[in-house]
């Protein structure tokens, strides 16, 4: 990455918001500038920092603007009891998570899929820059 690149104060603001994963429209609204101006700043930052895409730009933003930023706490439901056993399934799910962005646990209701997934997610939270998140899809019809 082009670490010695001269970045304007406005570009630094745009870079930070790209690092927060905001869209160009959201960045424009937050900074009171047009979406086209945001696009120009993003293109300029891609060139100046010598990164191939917006995802790399977001990673660069985190490194440059917040090097001391701590990883977010896992956004998981609070455990009411400890998780015991199922080491084989836990290891298999952890291995799959290392290979794929999304892993689905399937099986009949009541066998503990959600508890297993939450235990693995809590263990893996430090491996992901944005932590892990729990999304309850039960109410979705």
N, C-alpha and C. Protein backbone atom coordinates (compact mmCIF):
# COMPACT_ATOMS: atom_id res chain seq x y z
N UNK A 1 0.84 -1.18 0.00
CA UNK A 1 0.00 0.00 0.00
C UNK A 1 0.88 1.24 0.00
N UNK A 2 0.39 2.30 -0.62
CA UNK A 2 1.15 3.54 -0.69
C UNK A 2 1.04 4.31 0.60
N UNK A 3 1.86 4.00 1.59
CA UNK A 3 1.76 4.61 2.91
C UNK A 3 2.14 6.09 2.91
N UNK A 4 2.97 6.53 1.95
CA UNK A 4 3.43 7.90 1.95
C UNK A 4 2.48 8.81 1.17
N UNK A 5 1.35 8.32 0.73
CA UNK A 5 0.41 9.09 -0.08
C UNK A 5 -0.13 10.28 0.71
N UNK A 6 -0.24 11.41 0.03
CA UNK A 6 -0.81 12.61 0.62
C UNK A 6 -2.33 12.52 0.52
N UNK A 7 -2.98 12.50 1.66
CA UNK A 7 -4.43 12.41 1.70
C UNK A 7 -4.98 13.69 2.31
N UNK A 8 -5.93 14.30 1.61
CA UNK A 8 -6.53 15.54 2.10
C UNK A 8 -7.39 15.25 3.33
N UNK A 9 -7.70 16.27 4.10
CA UNK A 9 -8.58 16.06 5.26
C UNK A 9 -9.94 15.48 4.86
N UNK A 10 -10.50 15.93 3.74
CA UNK A 10 -11.79 15.40 3.30
C UNK A 10 -11.66 13.94 2.90
N UNK A 11 -10.56 13.59 2.21
CA UNK A 11 -10.32 12.19 1.85
C UNK A 11 -10.18 11.33 3.10
N UNK A 12 -9.54 11.88 4.13
CA UNK A 12 -9.40 11.14 5.39
C UNK A 12 -10.76 10.87 6.00
N UNK A 13 -11.68 11.85 5.92
CA UNK A 13 -13.04 11.64 6.43
C UNK A 13 -13.75 10.55 5.64
N UNK A 14 -13.63 10.61 4.31
CA UNK A 14 -14.25 9.60 3.46
C UNK A 14 -13.66 8.23 3.75
N UNK A 15 -12.35 8.18 3.89
CA UNK A 15 -11.67 6.92 4.17
C UNK A 15 -12.17 6.30 5.48
N UNK A 16 -12.32 7.11 6.50
CA UNK A 16 -12.81 6.59 7.78
C UNK A 16 -14.22 6.01 7.65
N UNK A 17 -15.08 6.69 6.88
CA UNK A 17 -16.45 6.22 6.70
C UNK A 17 -16.51 4.98 5.81
N UNK A 18 -15.59 4.86 4.85
CA UNK A 18 -15.48 3.62 4.08
C UNK A 18 -15.09 2.49 5.02
N UNK A 19 -14.20 2.79 5.95
CA UNK A 19 -13.79 1.81 6.95
C UNK A 19 -14.93 1.38 7.86
N UNK A 20 -15.93 2.25 8.01
CA UNK A 20 -17.13 1.92 8.79
C UNK A 20 -18.17 1.20 7.94
N UNK A 21 -17.81 0.90 6.69
CA UNK A 21 -18.67 0.16 5.74
C UNK A 21 -19.94 0.91 5.36
N UNK A 22 -19.85 2.23 5.24
CA UNK A 22 -20.98 3.01 4.78
C UNK A 22 -20.99 3.04 3.26
N UNK A 23 -22.16 3.15 2.66
CA UNK A 23 -22.28 3.27 1.21
C UNK A 23 -21.90 4.70 0.80
N UNK A 24 -21.71 4.91 -0.50
CA UNK A 24 -21.40 6.25 -0.98
C UNK A 24 -22.51 7.23 -0.64
N UNK A 25 -23.76 6.79 -0.75
CA UNK A 25 -24.89 7.67 -0.42
C UNK A 25 -24.87 8.03 1.07
N UNK A 26 -24.58 7.05 1.92
CA UNK A 26 -24.52 7.32 3.36
C UNK A 26 -23.37 8.26 3.70
N UNK A 27 -22.24 8.07 3.03
CA UNK A 27 -21.08 8.95 3.26
C UNK A 27 -21.42 10.37 2.82
N UNK A 28 -22.03 10.49 1.64
CA UNK A 28 -22.42 11.81 1.14
C UNK A 28 -23.37 12.52 2.08
N UNK A 29 -24.34 11.77 2.60
CA UNK A 29 -25.30 12.35 3.53
C UNK A 29 -24.62 12.79 4.82
N UNK A 30 -23.72 11.98 5.32
CA UNK A 30 -23.04 12.28 6.57
C UNK A 30 -22.12 13.49 6.43
N UNK A 31 -21.47 13.63 5.26
CA UNK A 31 -20.52 14.73 5.06
C UNK A 31 -21.11 15.92 4.30
N UNK A 32 -22.39 15.82 3.94
CA UNK A 32 -23.07 16.89 3.19
C UNK A 32 -22.38 17.18 1.86
N UNK A 33 -22.05 16.10 1.13
CA UNK A 33 -21.48 16.22 -0.20
C UNK A 33 -22.24 15.28 -1.13
N UNK A 34 -22.10 15.49 -2.43
CA UNK A 34 -22.84 14.66 -3.38
C UNK A 34 -22.23 13.26 -3.47
N UNK A 35 -23.05 12.31 -3.93
CA UNK A 35 -22.57 10.95 -4.12
C UNK A 35 -21.44 10.94 -5.15
N UNK A 36 -21.56 11.77 -6.17
CA UNK A 36 -20.52 11.85 -7.20
C UNK A 36 -19.20 12.31 -6.59
N UNK A 37 -19.25 13.25 -5.67
CA UNK A 37 -18.03 13.72 -5.00
C UNK A 37 -17.43 12.60 -4.15
N UNK A 38 -18.28 11.83 -3.49
CA UNK A 38 -17.80 10.68 -2.72
C UNK A 38 -17.11 9.70 -3.66
N UNK A 39 -17.73 9.41 -4.80
CA UNK A 39 -17.14 8.49 -5.77
C UNK A 39 -15.75 8.97 -6.21
N UNK A 40 -15.64 10.27 -6.43
CA UNK A 40 -14.34 10.85 -6.83
C UNK A 40 -13.31 10.65 -5.73
N UNK A 41 -13.70 10.89 -4.48
CA UNK A 41 -12.77 10.70 -3.36
C UNK A 41 -12.36 9.23 -3.22
N UNK A 42 -13.33 8.33 -3.35
CA UNK A 42 -13.03 6.90 -3.24
C UNK A 42 -12.07 6.47 -4.35
N UNK A 43 -12.31 6.92 -5.57
CA UNK A 43 -11.41 6.59 -6.69
C UNK A 43 -10.00 7.12 -6.43
N UNK A 44 -9.94 8.35 -5.93
CA UNK A 44 -8.64 8.95 -5.61
C UNK A 44 -7.92 8.15 -4.52
N UNK A 45 -8.66 7.73 -3.50
CA UNK A 45 -8.06 6.95 -2.41
C UNK A 45 -7.58 5.59 -2.90
N UNK A 46 -8.35 4.96 -3.76
CA UNK A 46 -7.92 3.68 -4.32
C UNK A 46 -6.58 3.83 -5.03
N UNK A 47 -6.47 4.90 -5.81
CA UNK A 47 -5.24 5.16 -6.56
C UNK A 47 -4.09 5.53 -5.62
N UNK A 48 -4.33 6.45 -4.70
CA UNK A 48 -3.28 6.94 -3.81
C UNK A 48 -2.76 5.84 -2.87
N UNK A 49 -3.66 5.00 -2.39
CA UNK A 49 -3.26 3.96 -1.45
C UNK A 49 -2.89 2.65 -2.15
N UNK A 50 -3.04 2.65 -3.47
CA UNK A 50 -2.66 1.51 -4.30
C UNK A 50 -3.32 0.22 -3.82
N UNK A 51 -4.64 0.28 -3.67
CA UNK A 51 -5.42 -0.89 -3.29
C UNK A 51 -6.40 -1.21 -4.42
N UNK A 52 -6.74 -2.49 -4.61
CA UNK A 52 -7.52 -2.89 -5.79
C UNK A 52 -9.02 -2.62 -5.71
N UNK A 53 -9.60 -2.60 -4.50
CA UNK A 53 -11.05 -2.48 -4.42
C UNK A 53 -11.48 -1.85 -3.10
N UNK A 54 -12.78 -1.65 -2.97
CA UNK A 54 -13.33 -0.99 -1.79
C UNK A 54 -13.11 -1.80 -0.51
N UNK A 55 -13.17 -3.12 -0.63
CA UNK A 55 -12.94 -3.97 0.55
C UNK A 55 -11.52 -3.75 1.09
N UNK A 56 -10.54 -3.72 0.19
CA UNK A 56 -9.16 -3.47 0.60
C UNK A 56 -9.02 -2.05 1.15
N UNK A 57 -9.76 -1.12 0.57
CA UNK A 57 -9.74 0.26 1.07
C UNK A 57 -10.30 0.32 2.49
N UNK A 58 -11.34 -0.43 2.77
CA UNK A 58 -11.91 -0.47 4.13
C UNK A 58 -10.90 -1.04 5.12
N UNK A 59 -10.19 -2.11 4.71
CA UNK A 59 -9.16 -2.67 5.59
C UNK A 59 -8.06 -1.65 5.84
N UNK A 60 -7.67 -0.97 4.78
CA UNK A 60 -6.63 0.06 4.90
C UNK A 60 -7.10 1.18 5.81
N UNK A 61 -8.38 1.53 5.71
CA UNK A 61 -8.93 2.59 6.55
C UNK A 61 -8.81 2.23 8.02
N UNK A 62 -9.13 1.00 8.34
CA UNK A 62 -9.05 0.55 9.73
C UNK A 62 -7.61 0.62 10.22
N UNK A 63 -6.68 0.20 9.39
CA UNK A 63 -5.26 0.22 9.78
C UNK A 63 -4.74 1.64 9.94
N UNK A 64 -5.12 2.53 9.02
CA UNK A 64 -4.58 3.89 9.02
C UNK A 64 -5.26 4.81 10.03
N UNK A 65 -6.59 4.73 10.11
CA UNK A 65 -7.30 5.72 10.92
C UNK A 65 -7.49 5.29 12.35
N UNK A 66 -7.48 3.98 12.59
CA UNK A 66 -7.71 3.49 13.95
C UNK A 66 -6.79 2.32 14.25
N UNK A 67 -5.48 2.54 14.28
CA UNK A 67 -4.58 1.41 14.52
C UNK A 67 -4.73 0.81 15.92
N UNK A 68 -5.22 1.60 16.86
CA UNK A 68 -5.37 1.11 18.23
C UNK A 68 -6.78 0.59 18.51
N UNK A 69 -7.61 0.55 17.47
CA UNK A 69 -9.00 0.11 17.63
C UNK A 69 -9.04 -1.33 18.09
N UNK A 70 -9.81 -1.56 19.12
CA UNK A 70 -9.99 -2.92 19.60
C UNK A 70 -11.05 -3.61 18.77
N UNK A 71 -10.95 -4.91 18.73
CA UNK A 71 -11.98 -5.67 18.02
C UNK A 71 -13.30 -5.52 18.77
N UNK A 72 -14.40 -5.47 18.02
CA UNK A 72 -15.69 -5.31 18.70
C UNK A 72 -16.05 -6.54 19.51
N UNK A 73 -16.80 -6.33 20.54
CA UNK A 73 -17.28 -7.45 21.34
C UNK A 73 -18.26 -8.26 20.50
N UNK A 74 -18.29 -9.54 20.68
CA UNK A 74 -19.24 -10.34 19.91
C UNK A 74 -20.67 -9.88 20.16
N UNK A 75 -21.43 -9.78 19.09
CA UNK A 75 -22.84 -9.39 19.20
C UNK A 75 -23.68 -10.66 19.29
N UNK A 76 -23.52 -11.35 20.40
CA UNK A 76 -24.18 -12.63 20.60
C UNK A 76 -25.06 -12.58 21.84
N UNK A 77 -26.11 -13.39 21.86
CA UNK A 77 -26.94 -13.45 23.07
C UNK A 77 -26.11 -13.93 24.26
N UNK A 78 -26.46 -13.47 25.42
CA UNK A 78 -25.79 -13.88 26.64
C UNK A 78 -26.10 -15.35 26.95
N UNK A 79 -25.04 -16.09 27.27
CA UNK A 79 -25.24 -17.50 27.64
C UNK A 79 -25.82 -17.58 29.04
N UNK A 80 -26.85 -18.37 29.19
CA UNK A 80 -27.44 -18.56 30.52
C UNK A 80 -26.83 -19.77 31.22
N UNK A 81 -26.31 -20.71 30.44
CA UNK A 81 -25.65 -21.90 30.99
C UNK A 81 -24.39 -22.17 30.18
N UNK A 82 -23.50 -22.98 30.72
CA UNK A 82 -22.28 -23.31 29.99
C UNK A 82 -22.57 -24.33 28.90
N UNK A 83 -21.69 -24.36 27.91
CA UNK A 83 -21.83 -25.31 26.81
C UNK A 83 -20.88 -26.47 27.08
N UNK A 84 -21.41 -27.67 27.16
CA UNK A 84 -20.61 -28.84 27.51
C UNK A 84 -20.71 -29.87 26.39
N UNK A 85 -19.56 -30.46 26.05
CA UNK A 85 -19.56 -31.57 25.09
C UNK A 85 -19.57 -31.12 23.64
N UNK A 86 -19.85 -32.09 22.78
CA UNK A 86 -19.93 -31.90 21.33
C UNK A 86 -18.64 -31.36 20.74
N UNK A 87 -17.50 -31.81 21.29
CA UNK A 87 -16.20 -31.33 20.81
C UNK A 87 -16.00 -31.64 19.33
N UNK A 88 -16.42 -32.84 18.89
CA UNK A 88 -16.22 -33.22 17.50
C UNK A 88 -17.00 -32.28 16.56
N UNK A 89 -18.27 -32.02 16.88
CA UNK A 89 -19.08 -31.13 16.06
C UNK A 89 -18.56 -29.70 16.10
N UNK A 90 -18.11 -29.31 17.28
CA UNK A 90 -17.56 -27.95 17.45
C UNK A 90 -16.30 -27.77 16.61
N UNK A 91 -15.41 -28.77 16.62
CA UNK A 91 -14.19 -28.71 15.82
C UNK A 91 -14.50 -28.71 14.33
N UNK A 92 -15.47 -29.53 13.93
CA UNK A 92 -15.84 -29.60 12.51
C UNK A 92 -16.42 -28.27 12.03
N UNK A 93 -17.28 -27.69 12.83
CA UNK A 93 -17.90 -26.41 12.46
C UNK A 93 -16.85 -25.30 12.42
N UNK A 94 -15.93 -25.31 13.36
CA UNK A 94 -14.84 -24.32 13.38
C UNK A 94 -13.98 -24.45 12.13
N UNK A 95 -13.66 -25.69 11.74
CA UNK A 95 -12.86 -25.92 10.53
C UNK A 95 -13.59 -25.42 9.29
N UNK A 96 -14.89 -25.69 9.21
CA UNK A 96 -15.68 -25.23 8.06
C UNK A 96 -15.72 -23.71 8.01
N UNK A 97 -15.80 -23.08 9.16
CA UNK A 97 -15.85 -21.63 9.22
C UNK A 97 -14.54 -21.02 8.72
N UNK A 98 -13.44 -21.74 8.91
CA UNK A 98 -12.16 -21.28 8.40
C UNK A 98 -12.05 -21.37 6.88
N UNK A 99 -12.89 -22.21 6.28
CA UNK A 99 -12.84 -22.41 4.83
C UNK A 99 -13.88 -21.60 4.07
N UNK A 100 -15.00 -21.27 4.72
CA UNK A 100 -16.11 -20.60 4.04
C UNK A 100 -16.58 -19.39 4.82
N UNK A 101 -17.12 -18.42 4.10
CA UNK A 101 -17.68 -17.23 4.74
C UNK A 101 -18.95 -17.52 5.50
N UNK A 102 -19.72 -18.45 4.97
CA UNK A 102 -21.00 -18.77 5.59
C UNK A 102 -21.11 -20.27 5.75
N UNK A 103 -21.52 -20.70 6.93
CA UNK A 103 -21.69 -22.12 7.23
C UNK A 103 -23.09 -22.29 7.80
N UNK A 104 -23.78 -23.33 7.36
CA UNK A 104 -25.13 -23.60 7.84
C UNK A 104 -25.17 -24.92 8.58
N UNK A 105 -25.71 -24.90 9.78
CA UNK A 105 -25.91 -26.13 10.55
C UNK A 105 -27.36 -26.55 10.36
N UNK A 106 -27.56 -27.79 9.95
CA UNK A 106 -28.93 -28.28 9.72
C UNK A 106 -29.20 -29.51 10.57
N UNK A 107 -30.46 -29.73 10.86
CA UNK A 107 -30.88 -30.89 11.63
C UNK A 107 -32.26 -30.64 12.21
N UNK A 108 -32.82 -31.65 12.81
CA UNK A 108 -34.17 -31.50 13.38
C UNK A 108 -34.18 -30.49 14.53
N UNK A 109 -35.34 -29.91 14.74
CA UNK A 109 -35.49 -28.93 15.81
C UNK A 109 -35.18 -29.51 17.17
N UNK A 110 -34.53 -28.71 18.02
CA UNK A 110 -34.29 -29.11 19.39
C UNK A 110 -33.01 -29.88 19.65
N UNK A 111 -32.16 -30.09 18.63
CA UNK A 111 -30.94 -30.86 18.84
C UNK A 111 -29.75 -29.99 19.26
N UNK A 112 -29.94 -28.66 19.29
CA UNK A 112 -28.87 -27.79 19.77
C UNK A 112 -28.04 -27.10 18.70
N UNK A 113 -28.60 -26.94 17.52
CA UNK A 113 -27.86 -26.28 16.43
C UNK A 113 -27.49 -24.85 16.80
N UNK A 114 -28.45 -24.12 17.34
CA UNK A 114 -28.20 -22.73 17.70
C UNK A 114 -27.17 -22.63 18.81
N UNK A 115 -27.28 -23.46 19.83
CA UNK A 115 -26.29 -23.42 20.92
C UNK A 115 -24.90 -23.75 20.41
N UNK A 116 -24.80 -24.73 19.53
CA UNK A 116 -23.51 -25.11 18.94
C UNK A 116 -22.95 -23.93 18.14
N UNK A 117 -23.79 -23.34 17.30
CA UNK A 117 -23.34 -22.22 16.48
C UNK A 117 -22.91 -21.04 17.34
N UNK A 118 -23.63 -20.76 18.40
CA UNK A 118 -23.26 -19.65 19.29
C UNK A 118 -21.94 -19.93 20.00
N UNK A 119 -21.71 -21.15 20.41
CA UNK A 119 -20.45 -21.50 21.07
C UNK A 119 -19.28 -21.33 20.11
N UNK A 120 -19.44 -21.80 18.88
CA UNK A 120 -18.38 -21.67 17.88
C UNK A 120 -18.17 -20.20 17.53
N UNK A 121 -19.25 -19.45 17.38
CA UNK A 121 -19.13 -18.02 17.07
C UNK A 121 -18.39 -17.27 18.17
N UNK A 122 -18.69 -17.56 19.41
CA UNK A 122 -18.01 -16.89 20.52
C UNK A 122 -16.52 -17.20 20.51
N UNK A 123 -16.17 -18.45 20.19
CA UNK A 123 -14.76 -18.84 20.11
C UNK A 123 -14.05 -18.16 18.95
N UNK A 124 -14.76 -17.95 17.84
CA UNK A 124 -14.15 -17.43 16.61
C UNK A 124 -14.21 -15.91 16.51
N UNK A 125 -14.83 -15.24 17.44
CA UNK A 125 -15.05 -13.79 17.32
C UNK A 125 -13.77 -13.01 17.07
N UNK A 126 -12.68 -13.38 17.69
CA UNK A 126 -11.42 -12.66 17.52
C UNK A 126 -10.77 -12.85 16.17
N UNK A 127 -11.24 -13.80 15.39
CA UNK A 127 -10.66 -14.09 14.08
C UNK A 127 -11.17 -13.16 12.98
N UNK A 128 -12.22 -12.40 13.25
CA UNK A 128 -12.84 -11.57 12.24
C UNK A 128 -12.75 -10.11 12.65
N UNK A 129 -12.36 -9.25 11.72
CA UNK A 129 -12.15 -7.83 12.02
C UNK A 129 -13.41 -7.17 12.57
N UNK A 130 -14.56 -7.56 12.08
CA UNK A 130 -15.81 -6.96 12.55
C UNK A 130 -16.52 -7.82 13.58
N UNK A 131 -15.84 -8.81 14.12
CA UNK A 131 -16.45 -9.67 15.12
C UNK A 131 -17.45 -10.64 14.50
N UNK A 132 -18.33 -11.15 15.31
CA UNK A 132 -19.38 -12.06 14.85
C UNK A 132 -20.71 -11.51 15.31
N UNK A 133 -21.76 -11.90 14.61
CA UNK A 133 -23.09 -11.36 14.89
C UNK A 133 -24.10 -12.48 14.88
N UNK A 134 -25.11 -12.36 15.72
CA UNK A 134 -26.21 -13.31 15.77
C UNK A 134 -27.43 -12.63 15.18
N UNK A 135 -28.05 -13.27 14.20
CA UNK A 135 -29.27 -12.76 13.60
C UNK A 135 -30.34 -13.82 13.77
N UNK A 136 -31.36 -13.53 14.54
CA UNK A 136 -32.44 -14.46 14.78
C UNK A 136 -33.42 -14.39 13.62
N UNK A 137 -33.49 -15.46 12.84
CA UNK A 137 -34.38 -15.49 11.68
C UNK A 137 -35.72 -16.17 11.98
N UNK A 138 -35.92 -16.60 13.21
CA UNK A 138 -37.18 -17.27 13.56
C UNK A 138 -38.40 -16.40 13.23
N UNK A 139 -38.39 -15.10 13.55
CA UNK A 139 -39.59 -14.31 13.27
C UNK A 139 -39.81 -14.01 11.79
N UNK A 140 -38.84 -14.29 10.94
CA UNK A 140 -38.98 -14.00 9.51
C UNK A 140 -39.88 -15.04 8.87
N UNK A 141 -40.91 -14.55 8.15
CA UNK A 141 -41.82 -15.49 7.50
C UNK A 141 -41.52 -15.58 6.02
